[in-house]
Amino acid sequence: ETANDFKSRCTRPHPPNPTCLTTYYNQCAEFY
């Protein structure tokens, strides 16, 4: 679980190809 915490805090997933929802993808990457 600690390793998963580190991965979530220190890395960010790449959102899919640009869409009208790109802002939401970026917010989700920050919060979740």
PDB file of all heavy atoms in Angstrom:
ATOM      1  N   GLU A   1       0.826  -1.205   0.000  1.00  0.00           N
ATOM      2  CA  GLU A   1       0.000   0.000   0.000  1.00  0.00           C
ATOM      3  C   GLU A   1       0.864   1.260   0.000  1.00  0.00           C
ATOM      4  O   GLU A   1       0.552   2.247  -0.671  1.00  0.00           O
ATOM      5  CB  GLU A   1      -0.924   0.007   1.217  1.00  0.00           C
ATOM      6  CG  GLU A   1      -1.847   1.204   1.274  1.00  0.00           C
ATOM      7  CD  GLU A   1      -2.774   1.181   2.480  1.00  0.00           C
ATOM      8  OE1 GLU A   1      -3.051   0.082   2.994  1.00  0.00           O
ATOM      9  OE2 GLU A   1      -3.200   2.268   2.912  1.00  0.00           O
ATOM     10  N   THR A   2       1.965   1.233   0.746  1.00  0.00           N
ATOM     11  CA  THR A   2       2.882   2.379   0.763  1.00  0.00           C
ATOM     12  C   THR A   2       3.459   2.636  -0.616  1.00  0.00           C
ATOM     13  O   THR A   2       3.603   3.788  -1.051  1.00  0.00           O
ATOM     14  CB  THR A   2       4.010   2.122   1.768  1.00  0.00           C
ATOM     15  OG1 THR A   2       3.455   1.901   3.070  1.00  0.00           O
ATOM     16  CG2 THR A   2       4.955   3.317   1.843  1.00  0.00           C
ATOM     17  N   ALA A   3       3.808   1.554  -1.327  1.00  0.00           N
ATOM     18  CA  ALA A   3       4.335   1.699  -2.686  1.00  0.00           C
ATOM     19  C   ALA A   3       3.282   2.318  -3.608  1.00  0.00           C
ATOM     20  O   ALA A   3       3.599   3.173  -4.449  1.00  0.00           O
ATOM     21  CB  ALA A   3       4.772   0.332  -3.222  1.00  0.00           C
ATOM     22  N   ASN A   4       2.013   1.925  -3.442  1.00  0.00           N
ATOM     23  CA  ASN A   4       0.942   2.512  -4.256  1.00  0.00           C
ATOM     24  C   ASN A   4       0.725   3.977  -3.915  1.00  0.00           C
ATOM     25  O   ASN A   4       0.447   4.800  -4.798  1.00  0.00           O
ATOM     26  CB  ASN A   4      -0.355   1.734  -4.031  1.00  0.00           C
ATOM     27  CG  ASN A   4      -0.325   0.358  -4.657  1.00  0.00           C
ATOM     28  OD1 ASN A   4       0.352   0.134  -5.656  1.00  0.00           O
ATOM     29  ND2 ASN A   4      -1.058  -0.582  -4.072  1.00  0.00           N
ATOM     30  N   ASP A   5       0.850   4.324  -2.625  1.00  0.00           N
ATOM     31  CA  ASP A   5       0.750   5.733  -2.224  1.00  0.00           C
ATOM     32  C   ASP A   5       1.832   6.565  -2.908  1.00  0.00           C
ATOM     33  O   ASP A   5       1.570   7.662  -3.418  1.00  0.00           O
ATOM     34  CB  ASP A   5       0.890   5.862  -0.702  1.00  0.00           C
ATOM     35  CG  ASP A   5      -0.380   5.465   0.034  1.00  0.00           C
ATOM     36  OD1 ASP A   5      -1.459   5.499  -0.588  1.00  0.00           O
ATOM     37  OD2 ASP A   5      -0.286   5.114   1.227  1.00  0.00           O
ATOM     38  N   PHE A   6       3.050   6.055  -2.904  1.00  0.00           N
ATOM     39  CA  PHE A   6       4.164   6.778  -3.523  1.00  0.00           C
ATOM     40  C   PHE A   6       3.905   6.992  -5.016  1.00  0.00           C
ATOM     41  O   PHE A   6       4.091   8.085  -5.548  1.00  0.00           O
ATOM     42  CB  PHE A   6       5.463   6.005  -3.325  1.00  0.00           C
ATOM     43  CG  PHE A   6       6.646   6.619  -4.029  1.00  0.00           C
ATOM     44  CD1 PHE A   6       7.342   7.666  -3.446  1.00  0.00           C
ATOM     45  CD2 PHE A   6       7.036   6.156  -5.279  1.00  0.00           C
ATOM     46  CE1 PHE A   6       8.429   8.245  -4.105  1.00  0.00           C
ATOM     47  CE2 PHE A   6       8.114   6.725  -5.945  1.00  0.00           C
ATOM     48  CZ  PHE A   6       8.811   7.772  -5.351  1.00  0.00           C
ATOM     49  N   LYS A   7       3.431   5.945  -5.696  1.00  0.00           N
ATOM     50  CA  LYS A   7       3.185   6.047  -7.137  1.00  0.00           C
ATOM     51  C   LYS A   7       2.101   7.070  -7.433  1.00  0.00           C
ATOM     52  O   LYS A   7       2.222   7.854  -8.387  1.00  0.00           O
ATOM     53  CB  LYS A   7       2.778   4.674  -7.674  1.00  0.00           C
ATOM     54  CG  LYS A   7       2.578   4.634  -9.179  1.00  0.00           C
ATOM     55  CD  LYS A   7       2.251   3.227  -9.644  1.00  0.00           C
ATOM     56  CE  LYS A   7       2.051   3.183 -11.158  1.00  0.00           C
ATOM     57  NZ  LYS A   7       1.731   1.801 -11.621  1.00  0.00           N
ATOM     58  N   SER A   8       1.052   7.092  -6.606  1.00  0.00           N
ATOM     59  CA  SER A   8      -0.055   8.016  -6.849  1.00  0.00           C
ATOM     60  C   SER A   8       0.335   9.463  -6.569  1.00  0.00           C
ATOM     61  O   SER A   8      -0.129  10.386  -7.240  1.00  0.00           O
ATOM     62  CB  SER A   8      -1.257   7.627  -5.977  1.00  0.00           C
ATOM     63  OG  SER A   8      -1.762   6.358  -6.344  1.00  0.00           O
ATOM     64  N   ARG A   9       1.205   9.684  -5.583  1.00  0.00           N
ATOM     65  CA  ARG A   9       1.577  11.046  -5.205  1.00  0.00           C
ATOM     66  C   ARG A   9       2.657  11.624  -6.102  1.00  0.00           C
ATOM     67  O   ARG A   9       2.702  12.838  -6.322  1.00  0.00           O
ATOM     68  CB  ARG A   9       2.076  11.060  -3.762  1.00  0.00           C
ATOM     69  CG  ARG A   9       0.975  10.819  -2.729  1.00  0.00           C
ATOM     70  CD  ARG A   9       1.553  10.636  -1.349  1.00  0.00           C
ATOM     71  NE  ARG A   9       0.505  10.406  -0.350  1.00  0.00           N
ATOM     72  CZ  ARG A   9       0.723  10.020   0.885  1.00  0.00           C
ATOM     73  NH1 ARG A   9       1.971   9.820   1.299  1.00  0.00           N
ATOM     74  NH2 ARG A   9      -0.285   9.822   1.719  1.00  0.00           N
ATOM     75  N   CYS A  10       3.530  10.776  -6.600  1.00  0.00           N
ATOM     76  CA  CYS A  10       4.723  11.271  -7.296  1.00  0.00           C
ATOM     77  C   CYS A  10       4.679  11.109  -8.807  1.00  0.00           C
ATOM     78  O   CYS A  10       5.611  11.513  -9.499  1.00  0.00           O
ATOM     79  CB  CYS A  10       5.968  10.571  -6.750  1.00  0.00           C
ATOM     80  SG  CYS A  10       6.227  10.845  -4.979  1.00  0.00           S
ATOM     81  N   THR A  11       3.647  10.497  -9.354  1.00  0.00           N
ATOM     82  CA  THR A  11       3.534  10.353 -10.799  1.00  0.00           C
ATOM     83  C   THR A  11       2.137  10.761 -11.229  1.00  0.00           C
ATOM     84  O   THR A  11       1.210  10.797 -10.423  1.00  0.00           O
ATOM     85  CB  THR A  11       3.799   8.895 -11.240  1.00  0.00           C
ATOM     86  OG1 THR A  11       2.784   8.041 -10.697  1.00  0.00           O
ATOM     87  CG2 THR A  11       5.163   8.417 -10.772  1.00  0.00           C
ATOM     88  N   ARG A  12       1.986  11.070 -12.483  1.00  0.00           N
ATOM     89  CA  ARG A  12       0.699  11.446 -13.041  1.00  0.00           C
ATOM     90  C   ARG A  12       0.454  10.648 -14.321  1.00  0.00           C
ATOM     91  O   ARG A  12       1.326  10.572 -15.187  1.00  0.00           O
ATOM     92  CB  ARG A  12       0.652  12.947 -13.366  1.00  0.00           C
ATOM     93  CG  ARG A  12       0.531  13.819 -12.137  1.00  0.00           C
ATOM     94  CD  ARG A  12      -0.867  13.718 -11.533  1.00  0.00           C
ATOM     95  NE  ARG A  12      -1.019  14.543 -10.353  1.00  0.00           N
ATOM     96  CZ  ARG A  12      -0.742  14.173  -9.121  1.00  0.00           C
ATOM     97  NH1 ARG A  12      -0.280  12.943  -8.897  1.00  0.00           N
ATOM     98  NH2 ARG A  12      -0.916  14.972  -8.098  1.00  0.00           N
ATOM     99  N   PRO A  13      -0.741  10.081 -14.476  1.00  0.00           N
ATOM    100  CA  PRO A  13      -1.062   9.372 -15.723  1.00  0.00           C
ATOM    101  C   PRO A  13      -1.264  10.358 -16.858  1.00  0.00           C
ATOM    102  O   PRO A  13      -1.628  11.516 -16.640  1.00  0.00           O
ATOM    103  CB  PRO A  13      -2.361   8.640 -15.385  1.00  0.00           C
ATOM    104  CG  PRO A  13      -2.992   9.476 -14.319  1.00  0.00           C
ATOM    105  CD  PRO A  13      -1.857  10.041 -13.514  1.00  0.00           C
ATOM    106  N   HIS A  14      -1.021   9.913 -18.077  1.00  0.00           N
ATOM    107  CA  HIS A  14      -1.210  10.783 -19.235  1.00  0.00           C
ATOM    108  C   HIS A  14      -2.671  10.699 -19.674  1.00  0.00           C
ATOM    109  O   HIS A  14      -3.199   9.607 -19.885  1.00  0.00           O
ATOM    110  CB  HIS A  14      -0.299  10.353 -20.386  1.00  0.00           C
ATOM    111  CG  HIS A  14       1.149  10.525 -20.082  1.00  0.00           C
ATOM    112  ND1 HIS A  14       1.755  11.763 -20.003  1.00  0.00           N
ATOM    113  CD2 HIS A  14       2.117   9.614 -19.826  1.00  0.00           C
ATOM    114  CE1 HIS A  14       3.040  11.612 -19.723  1.00  0.00           C
ATOM    115  NE2 HIS A  14       3.281  10.311 -19.603  1.00  0.00           N
ATOM    116  N   PRO A  15      -3.345  11.850 -19.823  1.00  0.00           N
ATOM    117  CA  PRO A  15      -4.742  11.821 -20.299  1.00  0.00           C
ATOM    118  C   PRO A  15      -4.782  11.346 -21.742  1.00  0.00           C
ATOM    119  O   PRO A  15      -3.770  11.364 -22.448  1.00  0.00           O
ATOM    120  CB  PRO A  15      -5.187  13.280 -20.165  1.00  0.00           C
ATOM    121  CG  PRO A  15      -3.928  14.074 -20.233  1.00  0.00           C
ATOM    122  CD  PRO A  15      -2.864  13.222 -19.591  1.00  0.00           C
ATOM    123  N   PRO A  16      -5.944  10.907 -22.221  1.00  0.00           N
ATOM    124  CA  PRO A  16      -6.064  10.451 -23.615  1.00  0.00           C
ATOM    125  C   PRO A  16      -5.905  11.620 -24.579  1.00  0.00           C
ATOM    126  O   PRO A  16      -5.655  12.754 -24.182  1.00  0.00           O
ATOM    127  CB  PRO A  16      -7.476   9.855 -23.654  1.00  0.00           C
ATOM    128  CG  PRO A  16      -8.217  10.577 -22.571  1.00  0.00           C
ATOM    129  CD  PRO A  16      -7.204  10.818 -21.480  1.00  0.00           C
ATOM    130  N   ASN A  17      -6.064  11.314 -25.830  1.00  0.00           N
ATOM    131  CA  ASN A  17      -5.960  12.355 -26.855  1.00  0.00           C
ATOM    132  C   ASN A  17      -6.888  13.524 -26.515  1.00  0.00           C
ATOM    133  O   ASN A  17      -7.957  13.331 -25.927  1.00  0.00           O
ATOM    134  CB  ASN A  17      -6.320  11.788 -28.230  1.00  0.00           C
ATOM    135  CG  ASN A  17      -5.322  10.743 -28.679  1.00  0.00           C
ATOM    136  OD1 ASN A  17      -4.144  10.810 -28.330  1.00  0.00           O
ATOM    137  ND2 ASN A  17      -5.797   9.762 -29.449  1.00  0.00           N
ATOM    138  N   PRO A  18      -6.503  14.748 -26.850  1.00  0.00           N
ATOM    139  CA  PRO A  18      -7.272  15.932 -26.446  1.00  0.00           C
ATOM    140  C   PRO A  18      -8.757  15.813 -26.790  1.00  0.00           C
ATOM    141  O   PRO A  18      -9.126  15.481 -27.914  1.00  0.00           O
ATOM    142  CB  PRO A  18      -6.608  17.070 -27.233  1.00  0.00           C
ATOM    143  CG  PRO A  18      -5.209  16.585 -27.470  1.00  0.00           C
ATOM    144  CD  PRO A  18      -5.323  15.103 -27.646  1.00  0.00           C
ATOM    145  N   THR A  19      -9.593  16.069 -25.804  1.00  0.00           N
ATOM    146  CA  THR A  19     -11.044  16.088 -25.988  1.00  0.00           C
ATOM    147  C   THR A  19     -11.585  17.293 -25.219  1.00  0.00           C
ATOM    148  O   THR A  19     -10.845  18.006 -24.534  1.00  0.00           O
ATOM    149  CB  THR A  19     -11.714  14.810 -25.450  1.00  0.00           C
ATOM    150  OG1 THR A  19     -11.627  14.823 -24.010  1.00  0.00           O
ATOM    151  CG2 THR A  19     -11.036  13.562 -25.986  1.00  0.00           C
ATOM    152  N   CYS A  20     -12.896  17.480 -25.299  1.00  0.00           N
ATOM    153  CA  CYS A  20     -13.508  18.570 -24.549  1.00  0.00           C
ATOM    154  C   CYS A  20     -13.467  18.303 -23.051  1.00  0.00           C
ATOM    155  O   CYS A  20     -13.767  19.185 -22.245  1.00  0.00           O
ATOM    156  CB  CYS A  20     -14.950  18.778 -25.014  1.00  0.00           C
ATOM    157  SG  CYS A  20     -16.000  17.315 -24.786  1.00  0.00           S
ATOM    158  N   LEU A  21     -13.108  17.080 -22.651  1.00  0.00           N
ATOM    159  CA  LEU A  21     -13.082  16.713 -21.234  1.00  0.00           C
ATOM    160  C   LEU A  21     -11.661  16.646 -20.674  1.00  0.00           C
ATOM    161  O   LEU A  21     -11.450  16.122 -19.584  1.00  0.00           O
ATOM    162  CB  LEU A  21     -13.762  15.351 -21.035  1.00  0.00           C
ATOM    163  CG  LEU A  21     -15.224  15.259 -21.485  1.00  0.00           C
ATOM    164  CD1 LEU A  21     -15.724  13.831 -21.357  1.00  0.00           C
ATOM    165  CD2 LEU A  21     -16.091  16.196 -20.664  1.00  0.00           C
ATOM    166  N   THR A  22     -10.686  17.174 -21.395  1.00  0.00           N
ATOM    167  CA  THR A  22      -9.298  17.089 -20.950  1.00  0.00           C
ATOM    168  C   THR A  22      -9.111  17.693 -19.563  1.00  0.00           C
ATOM    169  O   THR A  22      -8.356  17.172 -18.736  1.00  0.00           O
ATOM    170  CB  THR A  22      -8.371  17.806 -21.952  1.00  0.00           C
ATOM    171  OG1 THR A  22      -8.480  17.159 -23.218  1.00  0.00           O
ATOM    172  CG2 THR A  22      -6.920  17.745 -21.487  1.00  0.00           C
ATOM    173  N   THR A  23      -9.817  18.804 -19.284  1.00  0.00           N
ATOM    174  CA  THR A  23      -9.705  19.437 -17.959  1.00  0.00           C
ATOM    175  C   THR A  23     -10.125  18.478 -16.865  1.00  0.00           C
ATOM    176  O   THR A  23      -9.491  18.406 -15.805  1.00  0.00           O
ATOM    177  CB  THR A  23     -10.583  20.699 -17.900  1.00  0.00           C
ATOM    178  OG1 THR A  23     -10.142  21.609 -18.899  1.00  0.00           O
ATOM    179  CG2 THR A  23     -10.467  21.358 -16.524  1.00  0.00           C
ATOM    180  N   TYR A  24     -11.183  17.697 -17.110  1.00  0.00           N
ATOM    181  CA  TYR A  24     -11.658  16.749 -16.109  1.00  0.00           C
ATOM    182  C   TYR A  24     -10.651  15.619 -15.891  1.00  0.00           C
ATOM    183  O   TYR A  24     -10.419  15.178 -14.768  1.00  0.00           O
ATOM    184  CB  TYR A  24     -13.013  16.177 -16.516  1.00  0.00           C
ATOM    185  CG  TYR A  24     -14.112  17.207 -16.547  1.00  0.00           C
ATOM    186  CD1 TYR A  24     -14.591  17.709 -17.751  1.00  0.00           C
ATOM    187  CD2 TYR A  24     -14.667  17.677 -15.365  1.00  0.00           C
ATOM    188  CE1 TYR A  24     -15.601  18.656 -17.776  1.00  0.00           C
ATOM    189  CE2 TYR A  24     -15.674  18.625 -15.370  1.00  0.00           C
ATOM    190  CZ  TYR A  24     -16.131  19.111 -16.585  1.00  0.00           C
ATOM    191  OH  TYR A  24     -17.127  20.053 -16.595  1.00  0.00           O
ATOM    192  N   TYR A  25     -10.057  15.155 -16.977  1.00  0.00           N
ATOM    193  CA  TYR A  25      -9.029  14.119 -16.842  1.00  0.00           C
ATOM    194  C   TYR A  25      -7.877  14.621 -15.974  1.00  0.00           C
ATOM    195  O   TYR A  25      -7.363  13.903 -15.103  1.00  0.00           O
ATOM    196  CB  TYR A  25      -8.495  13.711 -18.214  1.00  0.00           C
ATOM    197  CG  TYR A  25      -9.422  12.825 -19.009  1.00  0.00           C
ATOM    198  CD1 TYR A  25     -10.158  13.336 -20.071  1.00  0.00           C
ATOM    199  CD2 TYR A  25      -9.545  11.477 -18.712  1.00  0.00           C
ATOM    200  CE1 TYR A  25     -10.997  12.528 -20.818  1.00  0.00           C
ATOM    201  CE2 TYR A  25     -10.388  10.649 -19.439  1.00  0.00           C
ATOM    202  CZ  TYR A  25     -11.122  11.185 -20.499  1.00  0.00           C
ATOM    203  OH  TYR A  25     -11.954  10.366 -21.220  1.00  0.00           O
ATOM    204  N   ASN A  26      -7.456  15.852 -16.208  1.00  0.00           N
ATOM    205  CA  ASN A  26      -6.342  16.408 -15.432  1.00  0.00           C
ATOM    206  C   ASN A  26      -6.716  16.573 -13.957  1.00  0.00           C
ATOM    207  O   ASN A  26      -5.892  16.327 -13.065  1.00  0.00           O
ATOM    208  CB  ASN A  26      -5.922  17.753 -16.022  1.00  0.00           C
ATOM    209  CG  ASN A  26      -5.254  17.594 -17.381  1.00  0.00           C
ATOM    210  OD1 ASN A  26      -4.643  16.562 -17.661  1.00  0.00           O
ATOM    211  ND2 ASN A  26      -5.366  18.610 -18.232  1.00  0.00           N
ATOM    212  N   GLN A  27      -7.953  16.999 -13.685  1.00  0.00           N
ATOM    213  CA  GLN A  27      -8.389  17.120 -12.295  1.00  0.00           C
ATOM    214  C   GLN A  27      -8.438  15.751 -11.613  1.00  0.00           C
ATOM    215  O   GLN A  27      -8.027  15.616 -10.452  1.00  0.00           O
ATOM    216  CB  GLN A  27      -9.764  17.779 -12.245  1.00  0.00           C
ATOM    217  CG  GLN A  27      -9.743  19.260 -12.572  1.00  0.00           C
ATOM    218  CD  GLN A  27     -11.144  19.865 -12.525  1.00  0.00           C
ATOM    219  OE1 GLN A  27     -12.136  19.150 -12.567  1.00  0.00           O
ATOM    220  NE2 GLN A  27     -11.205  21.185 -12.454  1.00  0.00           N
ATOM    221  N   CYS A  28      -8.909  14.749 -12.322  1.00  0.00           N
ATOM    222  CA  CYS A  28      -8.963  13.394 -11.758  1.00  0.00           C
ATOM    223  C   CYS A  28      -7.563  12.878 -11.445  1.00  0.00           C
ATOM    224  O   CYS A  28      -7.340  12.226 -10.423  1.00  0.00           O
ATOM    225  CB  CYS A  28      -9.658  12.445 -12.727  1.00  0.00           C
ATOM    226  SG  CYS A  28     -11.426  12.730 -12.884  1.00  0.00           S
ATOM    227  N   ALA A  29      -6.610  13.169 -12.326  1.00  0.00           N
ATOM    228  CA  ALA A  29      -5.237  12.729 -12.095  1.00  0.00           C
ATOM    229  C   ALA A  29      -4.654  13.368 -10.842  1.00  0.00           C
ATOM    230  O   ALA A  29      -3.796  12.792 -10.175  1.00  0.00           O
ATOM    231  CB  ALA A  29      -4.373  13.059 -13.310  1.00  0.00           C
ATOM    232  N   GLU A  30      -5.139  14.579 -10.508  1.00  0.00           N
ATOM    233  CA  GLU A  30      -4.640  15.278  -9.323  1.00  0.00           C
ATOM    234  C   GLU A  30      -5.294  14.769  -8.045  1.00  0.00           C
ATOM    235  O   GLU A  30      -4.637  14.625  -7.013  1.00  0.00           O
ATOM    236  CB  GLU A  30      -4.892  16.778  -9.475  1.00  0.00           C
ATOM    237  CG  GLU A  30      -4.432  17.600  -8.277  1.00  0.00           C
ATOM    238  CD  GLU A  30      -4.718  19.077  -8.454  1.00  0.00           C
ATOM    239  OE1 GLU A  30      -5.193  19.473  -9.543  1.00  0.00           O
ATOM    240  OE2 GLU A  30      -4.482  19.843  -7.484  1.00  0.00           O
ATOM    241  N   PHE A  31      -6.584  14.447  -8.104  1.00  0.00           N
ATOM    242  CA  PHE A  31      -7.338  14.128  -6.890  1.00  0.00           C
ATOM    243  C   PHE A  31      -7.350  12.644  -6.536  1.00  0.00           C
ATOM    244  O   PHE A  31      -7.387  12.284  -5.374  1.00  0.00           O
ATOM    245  CB  PHE A  31      -8.785  14.621  -7.018  1.00  0.00           C
ATOM    246  CG  PHE A  31      -8.906  16.113  -7.083  1.00  0.00           C
ATOM    247  CD1 PHE A  31      -9.727  16.727  -8.014  1.00  0.00           C
ATOM    248  CD2 PHE A  31      -8.183  16.916  -6.211  1.00  0.00           C
ATOM    249  CE1 PHE A  31      -9.838  18.106  -8.075  1.00  0.00           C
ATOM    250  CE2 PHE A  31      -8.289  18.298  -6.266  1.00  0.00           C
ATOM    251  CZ  PHE A  31      -9.115  18.893  -7.205  1.00  0.00           C
ATOM    252  N   TYR A  32      -7.347  11.784  -7.535  1.00  0.00           N
ATOM    253  CA  TYR A  32      -7.544  10.356  -7.289  1.00  0.00           C
ATOM    254  C   TYR A  32      -6.222   9.594  -7.260  1.00  0.00           C
ATOM    255  O   TYR A  32      -5.218  10.031  -7.844  1.00  0.00           O
ATOM    256  CB  TYR A  32      -8.438   9.745  -8.376  1.00  0.00           C
ATOM    257  CG  TYR A  32      -9.877  10.198  -8.314  1.00  0.00           C
ATOM    258  CD1 TYR A  32     -10.384  11.103  -9.246  1.00  0.00           C
ATOM    259  CD2 TYR A  32     -10.741   9.716  -7.337  1.00  0.00           C
ATOM    260  CE1 TYR A  32     -11.703  11.522  -9.202  1.00  0.00           C
ATOM    261  CE2 TYR A  32     -12.064  10.114  -7.277  1.00  0.00           C
ATOM    262  CZ  TYR A  32     -12.532  11.026  -8.210  1.00  0.00           C
ATOM    263  OH  TYR A  32     -13.834  11.441  -8.158  1.00  0.00           O
TER     264      TYR A  32
END
